[in-house]
């Protein structure tokens, strides 16, 4: 349950800030698809 809330909150905050999932992933030093994989669980 808490994981679902985290995924939703991450997506909401990221889109409100206008940051793409790819850009966020790369800024964290991860692969391009890292955030997409988290958000789509």
PDB file of N, CA and C in Angstrom:
ATOM      1  N   UNK A   1       0.810  -1.195   0.000  1.00  0.00           N
ATOM      2  CA  UNK A   1       0.000   0.000   0.000  1.00  0.00           C
ATOM      3  C   UNK A   1       0.860   1.268   0.000  1.00  0.00           C
ATOM      4  N   UNK A   2       1.834   1.330   0.901  1.00  0.00           N
ATOM      5  CA  UNK A   2       2.684   2.515   0.944  1.00  0.00           C
ATOM      6  C   UNK A   2       3.507   2.657  -0.328  1.00  0.00           C
ATOM      7  N   UNK A   3       3.864   1.533  -0.932  1.00  0.00           N
ATOM      8  CA  UNK A   3       4.607   1.595  -2.186  1.00  0.00           C
ATOM      9  C   UNK A   3       3.774   2.269  -3.263  1.00  0.00           C
ATOM     10  N   UNK A   4       2.491   1.936  -3.339  1.00  0.00           N
ATOM     11  CA  UNK A   4       1.610   2.555  -4.329  1.00  0.00           C
ATOM     12  C   UNK A   4       1.532   4.063  -4.127  1.00  0.00           C
ATOM     13  N   UNK A   5       1.431   4.493  -2.881  1.00  0.00           N
ATOM     14  CA  UNK A   5       1.389   5.926  -2.595  1.00  0.00           C
ATOM     15  C   UNK A   5       2.694   6.604  -3.003  1.00  0.00           C
ATOM     16  N   UNK A   6       3.805   5.931  -2.771  1.00  0.00           N
ATOM     17  CA  UNK A   6       5.106   6.477  -3.157  1.00  0.00           C
ATOM     18  C   UNK A   6       5.188   6.653  -4.669  1.00  0.00           C
ATOM     19  N   UNK A   7       4.769   5.632  -5.410  1.00  0.00           N
ATOM     20  CA  UNK A   7       4.832   5.699  -6.876  1.00  0.00           C
ATOM     21  C   UNK A   7       3.969   6.838  -7.404  1.00  0.00           C
ATOM     22  N   UNK A   8       2.767   6.976  -6.846  1.00  0.00           N
ATOM     23  CA  UNK A   8       1.866   8.045  -7.272  1.00  0.00           C
ATOM     24  C   UNK A   8       2.444   9.414  -6.930  1.00  0.00           C
ATOM     25  N   UNK A   9       2.984   9.540  -5.740  1.00  0.00           N
ATOM     26  CA  UNK A   9       3.549  10.825  -5.299  1.00  0.00           C
ATOM     27  C   UNK A   9       4.768  11.203  -6.135  1.00  0.00           C
ATOM     28  N   UNK A  10       5.606  10.234  -6.428  1.00  0.00           N
ATOM     29  CA  UNK A  10       6.781  10.479  -7.262  1.00  0.00           C
ATOM     30  C   UNK A  10       6.360  11.006  -8.628  1.00  0.00           C
ATOM     31  N   UNK A  11       5.396  10.359  -9.246  1.00  0.00           N
ATOM     32  CA  UNK A  11       4.910  10.776 -10.560  1.00  0.00           C
ATOM     33  C   UNK A  11       4.314  12.174 -10.505  1.00  0.00           C
ATOM     34  N   UNK A  12       3.503  12.433  -9.499  1.00  0.00           N
ATOM     35  CA  UNK A  12       2.857  13.741  -9.359  1.00  0.00           C
ATOM     36  C   UNK A  12       3.884  14.852  -9.196  1.00  0.00           C
ATOM     37  N   UNK A  13       4.809  14.675  -8.289  1.00  0.00           N
ATOM     38  CA  UNK A  13       5.824  15.709  -8.049  1.00  0.00           C
ATOM     39  C   UNK A  13       6.705  15.929  -9.270  1.00  0.00           C
ATOM     40  N   UNK A  14       7.093  14.847  -9.913  1.00  0.00           N
ATOM     41  CA  UNK A  14       7.962  14.951 -11.087  1.00  0.00           C
ATOM     42  C   UNK A  14       7.270  15.717 -12.206  1.00  0.00           C
ATOM     43  N   UNK A  15       6.011  15.396 -12.471  1.00  0.00           N
ATOM     44  CA  UNK A  15       5.298  16.072 -13.553  1.00  0.00           C
ATOM     45  C   UNK A  15       4.975  17.523 -13.197  1.00  0.00           C
ATOM     46  N   UNK A  16       4.686  17.801 -11.934  1.00  0.00           N
ATOM     47  CA  UNK A  16       4.440  19.186 -11.512  1.00  0.00           C
ATOM     48  C   UNK A  16       5.671  20.054 -11.727  1.00  0.00           C
ATOM     49  N   UNK A  17       6.831  19.480 -11.541  1.00  0.00           N
ATOM     50  CA  UNK A  17       8.081  20.221 -11.718  1.00  0.00           C
ATOM     51  C   UNK A  17       8.514  20.270 -13.179  1.00  0.00           C
ATOM     52  N   UNK A  18       7.820  19.525 -14.046  1.00  0.00           N
ATOM     53  CA  UNK A  18       8.147  19.533 -15.468  1.00  0.00           C
ATOM     54  C   UNK A  18       9.408  18.762 -15.806  1.00  0.00           C
ATOM     55  N   UNK A  19       9.716  17.753 -15.020  1.00  0.00           N
ATOM     56  CA  UNK A  19      10.921  16.953 -15.235  1.00  0.00           C
ATOM     57  C   UNK A  19      10.526  15.623 -15.869  1.00  0.00           C
ATOM     58  N   UNK A  20      11.201  15.260 -16.932  1.00  0.00           N
ATOM     59  CA  UNK A  20      10.904  13.972 -17.562  1.00  0.00           C
ATOM     60  C   UNK A  20      11.482  12.842 -16.720  1.00  0.00           C
ATOM     61  N   UNK A  21      10.902  11.671 -16.884  1.00  0.00           N
ATOM     62  CA  UNK A  21      11.395  10.500 -16.159  1.00  0.00           C
ATOM     63  C   UNK A  21      12.847  10.216 -16.550  1.00  0.00           C
ATOM     64  N   UNK A  22      13.161  10.411 -17.810  1.00  0.00           N
ATOM     65  CA  UNK A  22      14.526  10.183 -18.292  1.00  0.00           C
ATOM     66  C   UNK A  22      15.501  11.141 -17.619  1.00  0.00           C
ATOM     67  N   UNK A  23      15.159  12.433 -17.609  1.00  0.00           N
ATOM     68  CA  UNK A  23      16.046  13.429 -16.998  1.00  0.00           C
ATOM     69  C   UNK A  23      16.245  13.170 -15.508  1.00  0.00           C
ATOM     70  N   UNK A  24      15.172  12.793 -14.833  1.00  0.00           N
ATOM     71  CA  UNK A  24      15.282  12.507 -13.404  1.00  0.00           C
ATOM     72  C   UNK A  24      16.182  11.301 -13.169  1.00  0.00           C
ATOM     73  N   UNK A  25      16.008  10.271 -13.983  1.00  0.00           N
ATOM     74  CA  UNK A  25      16.839   9.071 -13.854  1.00  0.00           C
ATOM     75  C   UNK A  25      18.310   9.401 -14.029  1.00  0.00           C
ATOM     76  N   UNK A  26      18.611  10.152 -15.076  1.00  0.00           N
ATOM     77  CA  UNK A  26      20.005  10.491 -15.357  1.00  0.00           C
ATOM     78  C   UNK A  26      20.597  11.398 -14.282  1.00  0.00           C
ATOM     79  N   UNK A  27      19.792  12.305 -13.732  1.00  0.00           N
ATOM     80  CA  UNK A  27      20.306  13.189 -12.680  1.00  0.00           C
ATOM     81  C   UNK A  27      20.606  12.417 -11.398  1.00  0.00           C
ATOM     82  N   UNK A  28      19.966  11.260 -11.243  1.00  0.00           N
ATOM     83  CA  UNK A  28      20.238  10.393 -10.090  1.00  0.00           C
ATOM     84  C   UNK A  28      21.395   9.433 -10.354  1.00  0.00           C
ATOM     85  N   UNK A  29      21.943   9.500 -11.572  1.00  0.00           N
ATOM     86  CA  UNK A  29      23.052   8.625 -11.921  1.00  0.00           C
ATOM     87  C   UNK A  29      22.617   7.210 -12.257  1.00  0.00           C
ATOM     88  N   UNK A  30      21.364   7.076 -12.681  1.00  0.00           N
ATOM     89  CA  UNK A  30      20.819   5.758 -13.006  1.00  0.00           C
ATOM     90  C   UNK A  30      20.604   5.647 -14.514  1.00  0.00           C
ATOM     91  N   UNK A  31      20.138   4.477 -14.943  1.00  0.00           N
ATOM     92  CA  UNK A  31      19.843   4.278 -16.361  1.00  0.00           C
ATOM     93  C   UNK A  31      18.642   5.132 -16.768  1.00  0.00           C
ATOM     94  N   UNK A  32      18.483   5.346 -18.066  1.00  0.00           N
ATOM     95  CA  UNK A  32      17.410   6.200 -18.578  1.00  0.00           C
ATOM     96  C   UNK A  32      16.024   5.717 -18.168  1.00  0.00           C
ATOM     97  N   UNK A  33      15.846   4.423 -17.979  1.00  0.00           N
ATOM     98  CA  UNK A  33      14.522   3.863 -17.689  1.00  0.00           C
ATOM     99  C   UNK A  33      14.263   3.648 -16.198  1.00  0.00           C
ATOM    100  N   UNK A  34      15.169   4.055 -15.348  1.00  0.00           N
ATOM    101  CA  UNK A  34      15.068   3.792 -13.906  1.00  0.00           C
ATOM    102  C   UNK A  34      13.755   4.300 -13.298  1.00  0.00           C
ATOM    103  N   UNK A  35      13.431   5.561 -13.500  1.00  0.00           N
ATOM    104  CA  UNK A  35      12.215   6.138 -12.911  1.00  0.00           C
ATOM    105  C   UNK A  35      10.968   5.513 -13.530  1.00  0.00           C
ATOM    106  N   UNK A  36      10.993   5.267 -14.832  1.00  0.00           N
ATOM    107  CA  UNK A  36       9.840   4.612 -15.463  1.00  0.00           C
ATOM    108  C   UNK A  36       9.568   3.258 -14.835  1.00  0.00           C
ATOM    109  N   UNK A  37      10.597   2.512 -14.556  1.00  0.00           N
ATOM    110  CA  UNK A  37      10.418   1.195 -13.933  1.00  0.00           C
ATOM    111  C   UNK A  37       9.804   1.326 -12.545  1.00  0.00           C
ATOM    112  N   UNK A  38      10.215   2.337 -11.793  1.00  0.00           N
ATOM    113  CA  UNK A  38       9.661   2.552 -10.455  1.00  0.00           C
ATOM    114  C   UNK A  38       8.193   2.969 -10.547  1.00  0.00           C
ATOM    115  N   UNK A  39       7.906   3.916 -11.429  1.00  0.00           N
ATOM    116  CA  UNK A  39       6.546   4.446 -11.526  1.00  0.00           C
ATOM    117  C   UNK A  39       5.548   3.429 -12.072  1.00  0.00           C
ATOM    118  N   UNK A  40       6.011   2.470 -12.831  1.00  0.00           N
ATOM    119  CA  UNK A  40       5.104   1.512 -13.467  1.00  0.00           C
ATOM    120  C   UNK A  40       4.993   0.187 -12.738  1.00  0.00           C
ATOM    121  N   UNK A  41       5.385   0.135 -11.493  1.00  0.00           N
ATOM    122  CA  UNK A  41       5.270  -1.115 -10.726  1.00  0.00           C
ATOM    123  C   UNK A  41       3.857  -1.348 -10.298  1.00  0.00           C
TER     124      UNK A  41
END
